[in-house]
Amino acid sequence: MKLLLVALLVAVAAAQSSFRLPAPYTYSCRNSKCIKEERSGSREIRSMASCQLTCGRYGALWPQPTGDVQLGSQTVAFSPKNIQVTKMAATNPKVTQMLEDAVNHFTRNLHFIHPHYPKEKKTPVLYDEEYQRDEEPSVDAYEVFERVRLRSEQIAEESIFQQQQEQRLPYSTINEKTRKYLKYSPFLRKRSTPTAENHNLNIDITVTSPEDQLTLETDESYTLVLQTARSETTATIVATTYYGARHGLESLSQLIAYDDSNNALQIVNNAKIHDEPQFKYRGLMLDTGRNFYPKQDIMQLMDAMSQNKMNYFHWHISDSASFPMYSSRRPEMAYYGAYSPEEVYYPEDITEIVNYAKLRGIKVIPELNGPAHTNAGWQWSEKEGLGKLVLCTDNNKPWFEVGKEPPSGQVNPINPQLYSVLEELYRDMMDYFDPEMVHMGGDDVSFKCWQNSEEIKEYLAANGREAVSQEFFELWNTYQQNAYSKLREASGPYRSVTPIIHASSYALNYADKDSYIVQLNMDANDEEMTKYINQGFKVIFSNQDVLRLDCIGNNFYGEKAESCKREIPTWRSFYDNSPLDMLENLGVSNARSDQLRSGQADPIKEQVLGGEATLWSFDTDANGFQAKAWPRVSALAERLWTDPISNHGEDTSAKRINIHRKRMVDLGVRVDPIQPQYCMQDESACYSKEQYLARSASLTANPENPVHHHQQQQHS
């Protein structure tokens, strides 16, 4: 009889012009798992997404917080139309302006998670201004842009100061940029239930430091408290810096989910989170030299990184294949080096990306590689009487005879004119990026190039030196010392810029540990890693056996491409890629010590800055790079933020990354799934054998463990 009634209701609904099946299931949390059950007339309807918010110690949070986490057992419904900032306390007008942008971005994202929001509209807002790009878009266009930008900042600061003086609260959560998105929001076209429509979400933010720049020493910690009383929920975020407050807003968004039963959002009713990262450097490198990536796609990448609390974007902006960065001082570089006039990053493009990244909590690290990976863009030097600045670019010779990949090319370290040009390019980078660090490359140097170069042969012979490896190391040293000197000159007396170079024989034997940061790109079991630690270098882990995203399906050629492992790294490979565990396995004493958790000084912690995933664009461009990166980089993000110690009995990483992956897709990121959808609807069905046995043993041996007991209390 009951089945007949359901069938009749469905048939009647199907006869209407608009028909949508009702959900036959509800979800309840038991033993930290959301259990799917058939609905009954008296049972509360709870969506899977709503259940996931409060089920388990960490609910739907990613990356897992490092401090105390308390999540309430219930959620309350509200409409994103009812968000207001009731307090925004900051001592620097720039920080206030940044906070307002972050709140607007937060509001925008809440509208995005509605399933009917148009996918094609989930894009970053670009500047409306059209920049004139004539035959010489050079210095004049950039100066005009700079004047406009500085005047805009001045006007904004004056406006914020006036608002603070008049104490006109609450602050609006909608600006012109956000309004462009709201016109597509389904929340505005269809009302929620009366309960949701009448419930307010208040946001209270306090930032105590006037610091507005992100550095390796920036305090990124935050405390987030959620409290619900009657028809209001108040989210209180307290942080030392803007960057901590921004992370707090990111976590707040992860305590919210869409519920289709009432066309509203659900938020955890009460919560408390204290959180801070374990590693200072949580990075991603993108190569835009081999294939060009449009500005909008790079900005979308910044959005995706911010959703994972990643904080450094290493921009490998040029390579031997192309030089797409427009140089105000040397426009010849992009003129000869870009794939086309449309595939150029002009100063205003770079500045816009850098500013957008900053608001997402990300610092951009530009790279000008050398002495290898140079070819495109340098063809003009002989025409202007500067001689050969780059060698081994003769197309009559096969690339493999003079280089490590096509196209070959390497700087001419004995030409003094080279270093004057480098200084000009570095000065442009200082203007565009205002960098904390600059990557100087240093990898894939081919001694075959210098060995076959007539200029180098004549130079060595004239100085009584032989064309042997040791002399080529000295040439490498000549280049690096001069390039480093020009970088220091370009950065000026009031700016401290730290160079990063790839691990190499040069770095190990010549580089100064107090001047350089070294990026470790060898395999995880390579004992050479420990030499950098023992010599006192600060390091970033990018071990190529796991963290190279381009190795997924790579079929290009050359030494770098051929070094890819046959086994494709999974999200779990990235998750288990712990810098401290690698060092411990290589015999570094106390690499993973309790001191890391207690806040005491630890020399290893000071040296190991963090890690970086790398995406070399041999066979990737903007059409497919997101699926290569995510959710693998999400897994690395939790490794570097939380550095969790493995415990398969209570491992919620697969469950939470599934939820986080779905959330990123809702926000417009093309993220590959890690499992079929049914694994979200029945979590225990997809445990590995090891996880299943470990979890069963844990619950049997200790039924009153904190996680188990917490959930039993919630749903008893």
Foldseek 3Di string as FASTA:
>chain_A
DVVVVLVVVQVVQVVDPDHDDDDQWAWAAALLATAIDGDDPPDDHHDLLQRQLARFQQRQDFPGFFDDKDFALHKFWAALVQEWAFADADPALVLSVLVLVLLLVLSLLVLLLPPPQDLVPLFADDDPDDQDDDPDSFDVSVVVVVVVVVVVVVVSSVVSVVCVVVVDDDDDSDDPRSVVRVVRGVCVVDPFPPLRHQAHEYEHEHAAANDQDDDLPDWQKKKWKWADDDRYIYIYIYYPGSNNSSLNSLRQSSQWHADVVGRTIIGGHTMIGIGFFLFSAQAAEEACAQPFADLRLLLVVLVVCLNNSHAEYEYNQHFQQARQEQFSVQNLQRVFGHPDPVRHCYLVSLLVSQVSSSSSNYAYAYEDEAQWRHHTRQVCCVVVPQPAQKFDQDPVDDCVQAFFAPPTIGGDLVRPVNLVVLLSVLLRCCVRRVHQEYEHELPRDGLSGLLPDPVNCVVQVVVVHDSDPVVVLVSSVSNVVSSVVSNVVSQDDPHHYAYEYEDDPSCLPPNDQVRYEYEYAAALQDLVVVSCVVVQHAYAYAHQQAQELQLPPDDGDGDVNVPHDPDHHDLVNLLPPAPLVSVVVSPDPPSPPCCSVVVDDDSNSVRHNYYYRYYDPPPDYSVPVLQSCPPSSSSNSSCRGNVDDDQLLSDCVLQNSQSSQSSVVSSNGDYDHPDPPVCSNPVVVPDDPVSNVSNVVVCVVCVCPPRNVVSVVSPD
